[in-house]
Amino acid sequence: MRHSAITAYLDVSEGNVRAAQSLSRHQNLSTLMIYDDNRHQLQGKASKDLGELLD
């Protein structure tokens, strides 16, 4: 539930990671960036791009 709330806040705040950090109370910003990366599905996009190179 916490992860969903933080991700939802990042969506509505257009990625305001500083405010989301305050909401989540994560001391380390890099921890919060995992939520933002997941929100943008960066790993999936990178995997897709690499897969297309193999086709």
PDB file of N, CA and C in Angstrom:
ATOM      1  N   MET A   1       0.828  -1.176   0.000  1.00  0.00           N
ATOM      2  CA  MET A   1       0.000   0.000   0.000  1.00  0.00           C
ATOM      3  C   MET A   1       0.884   1.256   0.000  1.00  0.00           C
ATOM      4  N   ARG A   2       1.951   1.211   0.761  1.00  0.00           N
ATOM      5  CA  ARG A   2       2.849   2.372   0.834  1.00  0.00           C
ATOM      6  C   ARG A   2       3.474   2.661  -0.528  1.00  0.00           C
ATOM      7  N   HIS A   3       3.938   1.610  -1.193  1.00  0.00           N
ATOM      8  CA  HIS A   3       4.542   1.767  -2.510  1.00  0.00           C
ATOM      9  C   HIS A   3       3.541   2.376  -3.488  1.00  0.00           C
ATOM     10  N   SER A   4       2.308   1.896  -3.450  1.00  0.00           N
ATOM     11  CA  SER A   4       1.269   2.419  -4.344  1.00  0.00           C
ATOM     12  C   SER A   4       0.989   3.890  -4.075  1.00  0.00           C
ATOM     13  N   ALA A   5       0.953   4.270  -2.804  1.00  0.00           N
ATOM     14  CA  ALA A   5       0.682   5.664  -2.447  1.00  0.00           C
ATOM     15  C   ALA A   5       1.807   6.577  -2.921  1.00  0.00           C
ATOM     16  N   ILE A   6       3.038   6.139  -2.746  1.00  0.00           N
ATOM     17  CA  ILE A   6       4.173   6.961  -3.166  1.00  0.00           C
ATOM     18  C   ILE A   6       4.200   7.079  -4.688  1.00  0.00           C
ATOM     19  N   THR A   7       3.962   5.970  -5.380  1.00  0.00           N
ATOM     20  CA  THR A   7       3.933   5.987  -6.845  1.00  0.00           C
ATOM     21  C   THR A   7       2.803   6.876  -7.343  1.00  0.00           C
ATOM     22  N   ALA A   8       1.636   6.781  -6.719  1.00  0.00           N
ATOM     23  CA  ALA A   8       0.495   7.628  -7.110  1.00  0.00           C
ATOM     24  C   ALA A   8       0.824   9.099  -6.890  1.00  0.00           C
ATOM     25  N   TYR A   9       1.481   9.399  -5.774  1.00  0.00           N
ATOM     26  CA  TYR A   9       1.860  10.792  -5.524  1.00  0.00           C
ATOM     27  C   TYR A   9       2.847  11.287  -6.582  1.00  0.00           C
ATOM     28  N   LEU A  10       3.803  10.458  -6.960  1.00  0.00           N
ATOM     29  CA  LEU A  10       4.744  10.854  -8.008  1.00  0.00           C
ATOM     30  C   LEU A  10       4.004  11.144  -9.313  1.00  0.00           C
ATOM     31  N   ASP A  11       2.972  10.380  -9.602  1.00  0.00           N
ATOM     32  CA  ASP A  11       2.177  10.623 -10.813  1.00  0.00           C
ATOM     33  C   ASP A  11       1.470  11.981 -10.754  1.00  0.00           C
ATOM     34  N   VAL A  12       0.771  12.244  -9.656  1.00  0.00           N
ATOM     35  CA  VAL A  12      -0.010  13.479  -9.574  1.00  0.00           C
ATOM     36  C   VAL A  12       0.859  14.713  -9.395  1.00  0.00           C
ATOM     37  N   SER A  13       2.079  14.530  -8.877  1.00  0.00           N
ATOM     38  CA  SER A  13       2.964  15.681  -8.662  1.00  0.00           C
ATOM     39  C   SER A  13       3.955  15.863  -9.816  1.00  0.00           C
ATOM     40  N   GLU A  14       3.726  15.106 -10.894  1.00  0.00           N
ATOM     41  CA  GLU A  14       4.600  15.162 -12.065  1.00  0.00           C
ATOM     42  C   GLU A  14       6.049  14.866 -11.697  1.00  0.00           C
ATOM     43  N   GLY A  15       6.233  13.891 -10.808  1.00  0.00           N
ATOM     44  CA  GLY A  15       7.571  13.424 -10.475  1.00  0.00           C
ATOM     45  C   GLY A  15       8.324  14.265  -9.459  1.00  0.00           C
ATOM     46  N   ASN A  16       7.630  14.955  -8.594  1.00  0.00           N
ATOM     47  CA  ASN A  16       8.281  15.768  -7.563  1.00  0.00           C
ATOM     48  C   ASN A  16       8.877  14.835  -6.497  1.00  0.00           C
ATOM     49  N   VAL A  17      10.115  14.406  -6.746  1.00  0.00           N
ATOM     50  CA  VAL A  17      10.732  13.418  -5.863  1.00  0.00           C
ATOM     51  C   VAL A  17      11.047  13.987  -4.481  1.00  0.00           C
ATOM     52  N   ARG A  18      11.316  15.266  -4.385  1.00  0.00           N
ATOM     53  CA  ARG A  18      11.609  15.863  -3.067  1.00  0.00           C
ATOM     54  C   ARG A  18      10.377  15.828  -2.166  1.00  0.00           C
ATOM     55  N   ALA A  19       9.218  16.190  -2.721  1.00  0.00           N
ATOM     56  CA  ALA A  19       7.989  16.136  -1.931  1.00  0.00           C
ATOM     57  C   ALA A  19       7.622  14.694  -1.610  1.00  0.00           C
ATOM     58  N   ALA A  20       7.821  13.798  -2.574  1.00  0.00           N
ATOM     59  CA  ALA A  20       7.542  12.375  -2.346  1.00  0.00           C
ATOM     60  C   ALA A  20       8.486  11.812  -1.286  1.00  0.00           C
ATOM     61  N   GLN A  21       9.713  12.307  -1.254  1.00  0.00           N
ATOM     62  CA  GLN A  21      10.662  11.866  -0.238  1.00  0.00           C
ATOM     63  C   GLN A  21      10.156  12.268   1.147  1.00  0.00           C
ATOM     64  N   SER A  22       9.622  13.456   1.250  1.00  0.00           N
ATOM     65  CA  SER A  22       9.074  13.905   2.526  1.00  0.00           C
ATOM     66  C   SER A  22       7.865  13.054   2.927  1.00  0.00           C
ATOM     67  N   LEU A  23       7.018  12.756   1.950  1.00  0.00           N
ATOM     68  CA  LEU A  23       5.838  11.926   2.201  1.00  0.00           C
ATOM     69  C   LEU A  23       6.246  10.528   2.658  1.00  0.00           C
ATOM     70  N   SER A  24       7.214   9.946   1.979  1.00  0.00           N
ATOM     71  CA  SER A  24       7.606   8.566   2.250  1.00  0.00           C
ATOM     72  C   SER A  24       8.518   8.425   3.460  1.00  0.00           C
ATOM     73  N   ARG A  25       9.183   9.512   3.818  1.00  0.00           N
ATOM     74  CA  ARG A  25      10.157   9.552   4.902  1.00  0.00           C
ATOM     75  C   ARG A  25      11.385   8.687   4.631  1.00  0.00           C
ATOM     76  N   HIS A  26      11.675   8.456   3.337  1.00  0.00           N
ATOM     77  CA  HIS A  26      12.928   7.790   2.985  1.00  0.00           C
ATOM     78  C   HIS A  26      14.048   8.808   3.139  1.00  0.00           C
ATOM     79  N   GLN A  27      15.068   8.477   3.884  1.00  0.00           N
ATOM     80  CA  GLN A  27      16.177   9.401   4.064  1.00  0.00           C
ATOM     81  C   GLN A  27      17.042   9.471   2.820  1.00  0.00           C
ATOM     82  N   ASN A  28      17.180   8.357   2.142  1.00  0.00           N
ATOM     83  CA  ASN A  28      18.049   8.281   0.984  1.00  0.00           C
ATOM     84  C   ASN A  28      17.229   8.475  -0.293  1.00  0.00           C
ATOM     85  N   LEU A  29      17.547   9.500  -1.056  1.00  0.00           N
ATOM     86  CA  LEU A  29      16.806   9.797  -2.280  1.00  0.00           C
ATOM     87  C   LEU A  29      16.918   8.667  -3.298  1.00  0.00           C
ATOM     88  N   SER A  30      18.028   7.943  -3.292  1.00  0.00           N
ATOM     89  CA  SER A  30      18.177   6.854  -4.268  1.00  0.00           C
ATOM     90  C   SER A  30      17.151   5.750  -4.025  1.00  0.00           C
ATOM     91  N   THR A  31      16.721   5.565  -2.793  1.00  0.00           N
ATOM     92  CA  THR A  31      15.659   4.595  -2.512  1.00  0.00           C
ATOM     93  C   THR A  31      14.372   5.029  -3.177  1.00  0.00           C
ATOM     94  N   LEU A  32      14.068   6.296  -3.079  1.00  0.00           N
ATOM     95  CA  LEU A  32      12.848   6.823  -3.681  1.00  0.00           C
ATOM     96  C   LEU A  32      12.908   6.780  -5.203  1.00  0.00           C
ATOM     97  N   MET A  33      14.079   6.912  -5.761  1.00  0.00           N
ATOM     98  CA  MET A  33      14.209   6.894  -7.223  1.00  0.00           C
ATOM     99  C   MET A  33      13.799   5.540  -7.804  1.00  0.00           C
ATOM    100  N   ILE A  34      13.873   4.489  -7.002  1.00  0.00           N
ATOM    101  CA  ILE A  34      13.403   3.177  -7.461  1.00  0.00           C
ATOM    102  C   ILE A  34      11.915   3.248  -7.778  1.00  0.00           C
ATOM    103  N   TYR A  35      11.149   3.937  -6.940  1.00  0.00           N
ATOM    104  CA  TYR A  35       9.718   4.106  -7.191  1.00  0.00           C
ATOM    105  C   TYR A  35       9.501   4.870  -8.504  1.00  0.00           C
ATOM    106  N   ASP A  36      10.285   5.912  -8.704  1.00  0.00           N
ATOM    107  CA  ASP A  36      10.117   6.728  -9.904  1.00  0.00           C
ATOM    108  C   ASP A  36      10.516   5.945 -11.149  1.00  0.00           C
ATOM    109  N   ASP A  37      11.584   5.161 -11.063  1.00  0.00           N
ATOM    110  CA  ASP A  37      11.978   4.323 -12.198  1.00  0.00           C
ATOM    111  C   ASP A  37      10.892   3.310 -12.521  1.00  0.00           C
ATOM    112  N   ASN A  38      10.318   2.699 -11.500  1.00  0.00           N
ATOM    113  CA  ASN A  38       9.233   1.742 -11.722  1.00  0.00           C
ATOM    114  C   ASN A  38       8.022   2.419 -12.346  1.00  0.00           C
ATOM    115  N   ARG A  39       7.759   3.630 -11.954  1.00  0.00           N
ATOM    116  CA  ARG A  39       6.621   4.382 -12.483  1.00  0.00           C
ATOM    117  C   ARG A  39       6.764   4.607 -13.972  1.00  0.00           C
ATOM    118  N   HIS A  40       7.973   4.813 -14.423  1.00  0.00           N
ATOM    119  CA  HIS A  40       8.222   5.036 -15.848  1.00  0.00           C
ATOM    120  C   HIS A  40       8.527   3.740 -16.596  1.00  0.00           C
ATOM    121  N   GLN A  41       8.590   2.630 -15.875  1.00  0.00           N
ATOM    122  CA  GLN A  41       8.885   1.318 -16.453  1.00  0.00           C
ATOM    123  C   GLN A  41      10.169   1.353 -17.277  1.00  0.00           C
ATOM    124  N   LEU A  42      11.197   1.982 -16.723  1.00  0.00           N
ATOM    125  CA  LEU A  42      12.456   2.154 -17.443  1.00  0.00           C
ATOM    126  C   LEU A  42      13.139   0.833 -17.744  1.00  0.00           C
ATOM    127  N   GLN A  43      13.073  -0.113 -16.810  1.00  0.00           N
ATOM    128  CA  GLN A  43      13.725  -1.399 -17.045  1.00  0.00           C
ATOM    129  C   GLN A  43      13.061  -2.122 -18.214  1.00  0.00           C
ATOM    130  N   GLY A  44      11.743  -2.097 -18.276  1.00  0.00           N
ATOM    131  CA  GLY A  44      11.025  -2.749 -19.376  1.00  0.00           C
ATOM    132  C   GLY A  44      11.344  -2.114 -20.713  1.00  0.00           C
ATOM    133  N   LYS A  45      11.406  -0.783 -20.742  1.00  0.00           N
ATOM    134  CA  LYS A  45      11.722  -0.076 -21.986  1.00  0.00           C
ATOM    135  C   LYS A  45      13.145  -0.395 -22.445  1.00  0.00           C
ATOM    136  N   ALA A  46      14.074  -0.440 -21.517  1.00  0.00           N
ATOM    137  CA  ALA A  46      15.463  -0.742 -21.863  1.00  0.00           C
ATOM    138  C   ALA A  46      15.563  -2.168 -22.393  1.00  0.00           C
ATOM    139  N   SER A  47      14.882  -3.113 -21.753  1.00  0.00           N
ATOM    140  CA  SER A  47      14.898  -4.497 -22.206  1.00  0.00           C
ATOM    141  C   SER A  47      14.303  -4.628 -23.604  1.00  0.00           C
ATOM    142  N   LYS A  48      13.225  -3.903 -23.850  1.00  0.00           N
ATOM    143  CA  LYS A  48      12.577  -3.940 -25.163  1.00  0.00           C
ATOM    144  C   LYS A  48      13.532  -3.395 -26.238  1.00  0.00           C
ATOM    145  N   ASP A  49      14.172  -2.273 -25.938  1.00  0.00           N
ATOM    146  CA  ASP A  49      15.108  -1.678 -26.887  1.00  0.00           C
ATOM    147  C   ASP A  49      16.263  -2.621 -27.206  1.00  0.00           C
ATOM    148  N   LEU A  50      16.791  -3.278 -26.185  1.00  0.00           N
ATOM    149  CA  LEU A  50      17.884  -4.227 -26.404  1.00  0.00           C
ATOM    150  C   LEU A  50      17.402  -5.445 -27.188  1.00  0.00           C
ATOM    151  N   GLY A  51      16.195  -5.889 -26.907  1.00  0.00           N
ATOM    152  CA  GLY A  51      15.623  -7.014 -27.641  1.00  0.00           C
ATOM    153  C   GLY A  51      15.444  -6.715 -29.112  1.00  0.00           C
ATOM    154  N   GLU A  52      15.075  -5.487 -29.419  1.00  0.00           N
ATOM    155  CA  GLU A  52      14.897  -5.088 -30.823  1.00  0.00           C
ATOM    156  C   GLU A  52      16.220  -5.102 -31.580  1.00  0.00           C
ATOM    157  N   LEU A  53      17.320  -4.883 -30.882  1.00  0.00           N
ATOM    158  CA  LEU A  53      18.625  -4.954 -31.528  1.00  0.00           C
ATOM    159  C   LEU A  53      18.935  -6.380 -31.985  1.00  0.00           C
ATOM    160  N   LEU A  54      18.383  -7.364 -31.291  1.00  0.00           N
ATOM    161  CA  LEU A  54      18.649  -8.759 -31.612  1.00  0.00           C
ATOM    162  C   LEU A  54      17.759  -9.290 -32.736  1.00  0.00           C
ATOM    163  N   ASP A  55      16.687  -8.592 -33.019  1.00  0.00           N
ATOM    164  CA  ASP A  55      15.777  -9.047 -34.091  1.00  0.00           C
ATOM    165  C   ASP A  55      16.333  -8.852 -35.469  1.00  0.00           C
TER     166      ASP A  55
END
